[in-house]
Amino acid sequence: KIGNHISIMEGGCIVQTGRPEDIVLRPANAYVSE
């Protein structure tokens, strides 16, 4: 809702950064997809 860009983190690592719609439409890996 509020982010221009979102960075998804797992285990201390940034696994994907993008616009909200990029995250939803093109998840980088299984973790982001879940």
All heavy atoms as atom14 arrays in JSON, in Angstrom:
{
  "sequence": "KIGNHISIMEGGCIVQTGRPEDIVLRPANAYVSE",
  "atom14_mask": [
    [1, 1, 1, 1, 1, 1, 1, 1, 1, 0, 0, 0, 0, 0],
    [1, 1, 1, 1, 1, 1, 1, 1, 0, 0, 0, 0, 0, 0],
    [1, 1, 1, 1, 0, 0, 0, 0, 0, 0, 0, 0, 0, 0],
    [1, 1, 1, 1, 1, 1, 1, 1, 0, 0, 0, 0, 0, 0],
    [1, 1, 1, 1, 1, 1, 1, 1, 1, 1, 0, 0, 0, 0],
    [1, 1, 1, 1, 1, 1, 1, 1, 0, 0, 0, 0, 0, 0],
    [1, 1, 1, 1, 1, 1, 0, 0, 0, 0, 0, 0, 0, 0],
    [1, 1, 1, 1, 1, 1, 1, 1, 0, 0, 0, 0, 0, 0],
    [1, 1, 1, 1, 1, 1, 1, 1, 0, 0, 0, 0, 0, 0],
    [1, 1, 1, 1, 1, 1, 1, 1, 1, 0, 0, 0, 0, 0],
    [1, 1, 1, 1, 0, 0, 0, 0, 0, 0, 0, 0, 0, 0],
    [1, 1, 1, 1, 0, 0, 0, 0, 0, 0, 0, 0, 0, 0],
    [1, 1, 1, 1, 1, 1, 0, 0, 0, 0, 0, 0, 0, 0],
    [1, 1, 1, 1, 1, 1, 1, 1, 0, 0, 0, 0, 0, 0],
    [1, 1, 1, 1, 1, 1, 1, 0, 0, 0, 0, 0, 0, 0],
    [1, 1, 1, 1, 1, 1, 1, 1, 1, 0, 0, 0, 0, 0],
    [1, 1, 1, 1, 1, 1, 1, 0, 0, 0, 0, 0, 0, 0],
    [1, 1, 1, 1, 0, 0, 0, 0, 0, 0, 0, 0, 0, 0],
    [1, 1, 1, 1, 1, 1, 1, 1, 1, 1, 1, 0, 0, 0],
    [1, 1, 1, 1, 1, 1, 1, 0, 0, 0, 0, 0, 0, 0],
    [1, 1, 1, 1, 1, 1, 1, 1, 1, 0, 0, 0, 0, 0],
    [1, 1, 1, 1, 1, 1, 1, 1, 0, 0, 0, 0, 0, 0],
    [1, 1, 1, 1, 1, 1, 1, 1, 0, 0, 0, 0, 0, 0],
    [1, 1, 1, 1, 1, 1, 1, 0, 0, 0, 0, 0, 0, 0],
    [1, 1, 1, 1, 1, 1, 1, 1, 0, 0, 0, 0, 0, 0],
    [1, 1, 1, 1, 1, 1, 1, 1, 1, 1, 1, 0, 0, 0],
    [1, 1, 1, 1, 1, 1, 1, 0, 0, 0, 0, 0, 0, 0],
    [1, 1, 1, 1, 1, 0, 0, 0, 0, 0, 0, 0, 0, 0],
    [1, 1, 1, 1, 1, 1, 1, 1, 0, 0, 0, 0, 0, 0],
    [1, 1, 1, 1, 1, 0, 0, 0, 0, 0, 0, 0, 0, 0],
    [1, 1, 1, 1, 1, 1, 1, 1, 1, 1, 1, 1, 0, 0],
    [1, 1, 1, 1, 1, 1, 1, 0, 0, 0, 0, 0, 0, 0],
    [1, 1, 1, 1, 1, 1, 0, 0, 0, 0, 0, 0, 0, 0],
    [1, 1, 1, 1, 1, 1, 1, 1, 1, 0, 0, 0, 0, 0]
  ],
  "atom14_positions": [
    [[0.82, -1.22, 0.0], [0.0, 0.0, 0.0], [0.85, 1.26, 0.0], [0.57, 2.21, -0.74], [-0.92, 0.0, 1.23], [-1.77, 1.25, 1.37], [-2.67, 1.14, 2.59], [-3.52, 2.38, 2.77], [-4.44, 2.26, 3.95], [0.0, 0.0, 0.0], [0.0, 0.0, 0.0], [0.0, 0.0, 0.0], [0.0, 0.0, 0.0], [0.0, 0.0, 0.0]],
    [[1.9, 1.29, 0.81], [2.62, 2.55, 1.0], [3.95, 2.63, 0.25], [4.47, 3.73, 0.02], [2.89, 2.84, 2.49], [3.93, 1.87, 3.05], [1.61, 2.78, 3.3], [4.39, 2.23, 4.44], [0.0, 0.0, 0.0], [0.0, 0.0, 0.0], [0.0, 0.0, 0.0], [0.0, 0.0, 0.0], [0.0, 0.0, 0.0], [0.0, 0.0, 0.0]],
    [[4.51, 1.49, -0.16], [5.87, 1.5, -0.71], [5.95, 1.88, -2.18], [5.18, 1.38, -2.99], [0.0, 0.0, 0.0], [0.0, 0.0, 0.0], [0.0, 0.0, 0.0], [0.0, 0.0, 0.0], [0.0, 0.0, 0.0], [0.0, 0.0, 0.0], [0.0, 0.0, 0.0], [0.0, 0.0, 0.0], [0.0, 0.0, 0.0], [0.0, 0.0, 0.0]],
    [[6.89, 2.77, -2.51], [7.26, 2.98, -3.91], [8.09, 1.8, -4.41], [7.98, 1.38, -5.56], [8.04, 4.27, -4.08], [7.26, 5.49, -3.66], [7.58, 6.13, -2.66], [6.22, 5.82, -4.4], [0.0, 0.0, 0.0], [0.0, 0.0, 0.0], [0.0, 0.0, 0.0], [0.0, 0.0, 0.0], [0.0, 0.0, 0.0], [0.0, 0.0, 0.0]],
    [[8.97, 1.32, -3.52], [9.75, 0.11, -3.78], [9.74, -0.75, -2.52], [9.64, -0.23, -1.41], [11.19, 0.44, -4.17], [11.33, 1.03, -5.54], [11.21, 2.39, -5.78], [11.54, 0.44, -6.75], [11.36, 2.61, -7.08], [11.55, 1.46, -7.68], [0.0, 0.0, 0.0], [0.0, 0.0, 0.0], [0.0, 0.0, 0.0], [0.0, 0.0, 0.0]],
    [[9.83, -2.05, -2.72], [9.84, -3.0, -1.62], [11.06, -3.9, -1.76], [11.37, -4.37, -2.86], [8.56, -3.87, -1.62], [7.32, -2.99, -1.45], [8.62, -4.93, -0.52], [6.02, -3.75, -1.63], [0.0, 0.0, 0.0], [0.0, 0.0, 0.0], [0.0, 0.0, 0.0], [0.0, 0.0, 0.0], [0.0, 0.0, 0.0], [0.0, 0.0, 0.0]],
    [[11.74, -4.13, -0.64], [12.85, -5.08, -0.6], [12.46, -6.22, 0.34], [12.2, -5.99, 1.51], [14.13, -4.41, -0.11], [14.55, -3.4, -1.01], [0.0, 0.0, 0.0], [0.0, 0.0, 0.0], [0.0, 0.0, 0.0], [0.0, 0.0, 0.0], [0.0, 0.0, 0.0], [0.0, 0.0, 0.0], [0.0, 0.0, 0.0], [0.0, 0.0, 0.0]],
    [[12.4, -7.43, -0.21], [12.07, -8.62, 0.58], [13.36, -9.2, 1.15], [14.32, -9.44, 0.41], [11.36, -9.68, -0.27], [10.13, -9.09, -0.98], [10.97, -10.88, 0.59], [8.97, -8.8, -0.1], [0.0, 0.0, 0.0], [0.0, 0.0, 0.0], [0.0, 0.0, 0.0], [0.0, 0.0, 0.0], [0.0, 0.0, 0.0], [0.0, 0.0, 0.0]],
    [[13.38, -9.44, 2.48], [14.57, -9.97, 3.13], [14.31, -11.35, 3.71], [13.21, -11.65, 4.17], [15.05, -9.01, 4.24], [15.46, -7.65, 3.74], [16.3, -6.65, 4.99], [17.85, -7.56, 5.19], [0.0, 0.0, 0.0], [0.0, 0.0, 0.0], [0.0, 0.0, 0.0], [0.0, 0.0, 0.0], [0.0, 0.0, 0.0], [0.0, 0.0, 0.0]],
    [[15.35, -12.18, 3.66], [15.29, -13.51, 4.25], [16.67, -13.86, 4.78], [17.67, -13.75, 4.06], [14.88, -14.56, 3.21], [14.82, -15.98, 3.78], [14.65, -17.04, 2.71], [14.94, -16.75, 1.53], [14.23, -18.15, 3.07], [0.0, 0.0, 0.0], [0.0, 0.0, 0.0], [0.0, 0.0, 0.0], [0.0, 0.0, 0.0], [0.0, 0.0, 0.0]],
    [[16.75, -14.23, 6.04], [18.03, -14.64, 6.62], [19.11, -13.59, 6.55], [20.29, -13.92, 6.43], [0.0, 0.0, 0.0], [0.0, 0.0, 0.0], [0.0, 0.0, 0.0], [0.0, 0.0, 0.0], [0.0, 0.0, 0.0], [0.0, 0.0, 0.0], [0.0, 0.0, 0.0], [0.0, 0.0, 0.0], [0.0, 0.0, 0.0], [0.0, 0.0, 0.0]],
    [[18.74, -12.32, 6.61], [19.71, -11.23, 6.56], [20.03, -10.75, 5.16], [20.75, -9.77, 4.99], [0.0, 0.0, 0.0], [0.0, 0.0, 0.0], [0.0, 0.0, 0.0], [0.0, 0.0, 0.0], [0.0, 0.0, 0.0], [0.0, 0.0, 0.0], [0.0, 0.0, 0.0], [0.0, 0.0, 0.0], [0.0, 0.0, 0.0], [0.0, 0.0, 0.0]],
    [[19.51, -11.43, 4.15], [19.8, -11.08, 2.76], [18.6, -10.43, 2.09], [17.45, -10.78, 2.37], [20.18, -12.33, 1.96], [21.62, -13.2, 2.6], [0.0, 0.0, 0.0], [0.0, 0.0, 0.0], [0.0, 0.0, 0.0], [0.0, 0.0, 0.0], [0.0, 0.0, 0.0], [0.0, 0.0, 0.0], [0.0, 0.0, 0.0], [0.0, 0.0, 0.0]],
    [[18.86, -9.47, 1.19], [17.81, -8.92, 0.34], [17.67, -9.86, -0.85], [18.59, -10.01, -1.65], [18.16, -7.5, -0.13], [18.25, -6.54, 1.06], [17.13, -7.0, -1.14], [18.7, -5.14, 0.69], [0.0, 0.0, 0.0], [0.0, 0.0, 0.0], [0.0, 0.0, 0.0], [0.0, 0.0, 0.0], [0.0, 0.0, 0.0], [0.0, 0.0, 0.0]],
    [[16.51, -10.5, -0.97], [16.32, -11.49, -2.04], [15.62, -10.91, -3.26], [15.71, -11.47, -4.35], [15.56, -12.73, -1.53], [16.38, -13.44, -0.47], [14.2, -12.35, -0.98], [0.0, 0.0, 0.0], [0.0, 0.0, 0.0], [0.0, 0.0, 0.0], [0.0, 0.0, 0.0], [0.0, 0.0, 0.0], [0.0, 0.0, 0.0], [0.0, 0.0, 0.0]],
    [[14.91, -9.79, -3.1], [14.3, -9.13, -4.25], [13.94, -7.7, -3.89], [13.45, -7.42, -2.79], [13.03, -9.86, -4.72], [12.42, -9.25, -6.0], [11.26, -10.06, -6.54], [10.89, -11.09, -5.99], [10.69, -9.61, -7.66], [0.0, 0.0, 0.0], [0.0, 0.0, 0.0], [0.0, 0.0, 0.0], [0.0, 0.0, 0.0], [0.0, 0.0, 0.0]],
    [[14.19, -6.79, -4.82], [13.78, -5.39, -4.69], [13.05, -5.0, -5.96], [13.48, -5.33, -7.06], [15.0, -4.46, -4.49], [15.63, -4.77, -3.26], [14.57, -3.0, -4.47], [0.0, 0.0, 0.0], [0.0, 0.0, 0.0], [0.0, 0.0, 0.0], [0.0, 0.0, 0.0], [0.0, 0.0, 0.0], [0.0, 0.0, 0.0], [0.0, 0.0, 0.0]],
    [[11.93, -4.29, -5.8], [11.19, -3.84, -6.97], [9.98, -3.04, -6.58], [9.69, -2.84, -5.4], [0.0, 0.0, 0.0], [0.0, 0.0, 0.0], [0.0, 0.0, 0.0], [0.0, 0.0, 0.0], [0.0, 0.0, 0.0], [0.0, 0.0, 0.0], [0.0, 0.0, 0.0], [0.0, 0.0, 0.0], [0.0, 0.0, 0.0], [0.0, 0.0, 0.0]],
    [[9.25, -2.56, -7.57], [7.98, -1.89, -7.32], [6.98, -2.93, -6.83], [7.14, -4.12, -7.08], [7.49, -1.23, -8.6], [8.38, -0.1, -9.11], [7.93, 0.38, -10.47], [7.94, -0.7, -11.45], [7.53, -0.58, -12.7], [7.03, 0.57, -13.13], [7.58, -1.61, -13.53], [0.0, 0.0, 0.0], [0.0, 0.0, 0.0], [0.0, 0.0, 0.0]],
    [[5.94, -2.5, -6.12], [4.97, -3.47, -5.61], [4.44, -4.42, -6.67], [4.36, -5.64, -6.44], [3.86, -2.56, -5.05], [4.56, -1.31, -4.63], [5.64, -1.12, -5.66], [0.0, 0.0, 0.0], [0.0, 0.0, 0.0], [0.0, 0.0, 0.0], [0.0, 0.0, 0.0], [0.0, 0.0, 0.0], [0.0, 0.0, 0.0], [0.0, 0.0, 0.0]],
    [[4.11, -3.88, -7.85], [3.55, -4.75, -8.89], [4.6, -5.73, -9.43], [4.27, -6.84, -9.85], [2.96, -3.92, -10.03], [3.92, -2.97, -10.73], [3.92, -1.58, -10.13], [3.67, -1.45, -8.91], [4.18, -0.61, -10.88], [0.0, 0.0, 0.0], [0.0, 0.0, 0.0], [0.0, 0.0, 0.0], [0.0, 0.0, 0.0], [0.0, 0.0, 0.0]],
    [[5.89, -5.32, -9.42], [6.95, -6.23, -9.86], [7.07, -7.42, -8.91], [7.27, -8.56, -9.34], [8.29, -5.49, -9.93], [8.32, -4.43, -11.0], [7.6, -4.58, -12.0], [9.05, -3.43, -10.84], [0.0, 0.0, 0.0], [0.0, 0.0, 0.0], [0.0, 0.0, 0.0], [0.0, 0.0, 0.0], [0.0, 0.0, 0.0], [0.0, 0.0, 0.0]],
    [[6.98, -7.11, -7.61], [7.08, -8.18, -6.61], [5.94, -9.18, -6.79], [6.14, -10.4, -6.74], [7.02, -7.58, -5.18], [8.19, -6.6, -4.95], [7.03, -8.68, -4.14], [9.55, -7.21, -4.87], [0.0, 0.0, 0.0], [0.0, 0.0, 0.0], [0.0, 0.0, 0.0], [0.0, 0.0, 0.0], [0.0, 0.0, 0.0], [0.0, 0.0, 0.0]],
    [[4.74, -8.67, -7.02], [3.56, -9.54, -7.14], [3.56, -10.31, -8.46], [3.25, -11.5, -8.5], [2.27, -8.71, -7.0], [1.04, -9.55, -7.31], [2.17, -8.14, -5.59], [0.0, 0.0, 0.0], [0.0, 0.0, 0.0], [0.0, 0.0, 0.0], [0.0, 0.0, 0.0], [0.0, 0.0, 0.0], [0.0, 0.0, 0.0], [0.0, 0.0, 0.0]],
    [[3.91, -9.64, -9.55], [3.84, -10.27, -10.87], [5.05, -11.14, -11.19], [4.94, -12.13, -11.9], [3.69, -9.2, -11.95], [2.37, -8.44, -12.0], [2.43, -7.33, -13.03], [1.21, -9.39, -12.31], [0.0, 0.0, 0.0], [0.0, 0.0, 0.0], [0.0, 0.0, 0.0], [0.0, 0.0, 0.0], [0.0, 0.0, 0.0], [0.0, 0.0, 0.0]],
    [[6.22, -10.76, -10.66], [7.45, -11.47, -11.0], [8.28, -11.79, -9.76], [9.38, -11.25, -9.58], [8.27, -10.62, -11.99], [7.63, -10.5, -13.37], [8.38, -9.55, -14.27], [8.14, -8.17, -13.87], [7.08, -7.46, -14.25], [6.16, -8.0, -15.02], [6.94, -6.2, -13.86], [0.0, 0.0, 0.0], [0.0, 0.0, 0.0], [0.0, 0.0, 0.0]],
    [[7.78, -12.66, -8.87], [8.56, -13.03, -7.68], [9.87, -13.69, -8.08], [9.91, -14.5, -9.01], [7.63, -13.99, -6.94], [6.67, -14.49, -7.98], [6.48, -13.37, -8.95], [0.0, 0.0, 0.0], [0.0, 0.0, 0.0], [0.0, 0.0, 0.0], [0.0, 0.0, 0.0], [0.0, 0.0, 0.0], [0.0, 0.0, 0.0], [0.0, 0.0, 0.0]],
    [[10.94, -13.34, -7.36], [12.28, -13.79, -7.76], [12.55, -15.25, -7.43], [13.34, -15.9, -8.11], [13.34, -12.91, -7.08], [0.0, 0.0, 0.0], [0.0, 0.0, 0.0], [0.0, 0.0, 0.0], [0.0, 0.0, 0.0], [0.0, 0.0, 0.0], [0.0, 0.0, 0.0], [0.0, 0.0, 0.0], [0.0, 0.0, 0.0], [0.0, 0.0, 0.0]],
    [[11.92, -15.77, -6.38], [12.17, -17.16, -6.0], [10.97, -17.72, -5.26], [9.94, -17.05, -5.09], [13.45, -17.27, -5.16], [13.4, -16.42, -3.9], [12.32, -16.07, -3.41], [14.57, -16.1, -3.37], [0.0, 0.0, 0.0], [0.0, 0.0, 0.0], [0.0, 0.0, 0.0], [0.0, 0.0, 0.0], [0.0, 0.0, 0.0], [0.0, 0.0, 0.0]],
    [[11.1, -18.96, -4.81], [9.98, -19.65, -4.14], [9.6, -18.95, -2.84], [8.42, -18.91, -2.47], [10.36, -21.1, -3.87], [0.0, 0.0, 0.0], [0.0, 0.0, 0.0], [0.0, 0.0, 0.0], [0.0, 0.0, 0.0], [0.0, 0.0, 0.0], [0.0, 0.0, 0.0], [0.0, 0.0, 0.0], [0.0, 0.0, 0.0], [0.0, 0.0, 0.0]],
    [[10.6, -18.39, -2.13], [10.32, -17.7, -0.87], [9.4, -16.5, -1.1], [8.41, -16.31, -0.41], [11.64, -17.24, -0.24], [11.48, -16.39, 1.0], [11.14, -16.95, 2.22], [11.67, -15.01, 0.94], [11.0, -16.17, 3.36], [11.55, -14.22, 2.08], [11.21, -14.81, 3.28], [11.07, -14.03, 4.41], [0.0, 0.0, 0.0], [0.0, 0.0, 0.0]],
    [[9.72, -15.69, -2.12], [8.9, -14.52, -2.42], [7.53, -14.96, -2.93], [6.5, -14.37, -2.57], [9.59, -13.6, -3.45], [8.73, -12.4, -3.77], [10.96, -13.15, -2.94], [0.0, 0.0, 0.0], [0.0, 0.0, 0.0], [0.0, 0.0, 0.0], [0.0, 0.0, 0.0], [0.0, 0.0, 0.0], [0.0, 0.0, 0.0], [0.0, 0.0, 0.0]],
    [[7.5, -16.0, -3.75], [6.22, -16.51, -4.25], [5.3, -16.92, -3.11], [4.1, -16.62, -3.12], [6.45, -17.72, -5.17], [7.13, -17.35, -6.34], [0.0, 0.0, 0.0], [0.0, 0.0, 0.0], [0.0, 0.0, 0.0], [0.0, 0.0, 0.0], [0.0, 0.0, 0.0], [0.0, 0.0, 0.0], [0.0, 0.0, 0.0], [0.0, 0.0, 0.0]],
    [[5.87, -17.6, -2.12], [5.07, -18.01, -0.96], [4.62, -16.8, -0.16], [3.5, -16.75, 0.36], [5.9, -18.95, -0.08], [5.12, -19.54, 1.08], [5.93, -20.53, 1.88], [7.06, -20.88, 1.45], [5.45, -20.97, 2.95], [0.0, 0.0, 0.0], [0.0, 0.0, 0.0], [0.0, 0.0, 0.0], [0.0, 0.0, 0.0], [0.0, 0.0, 0.0]]
  ]
}
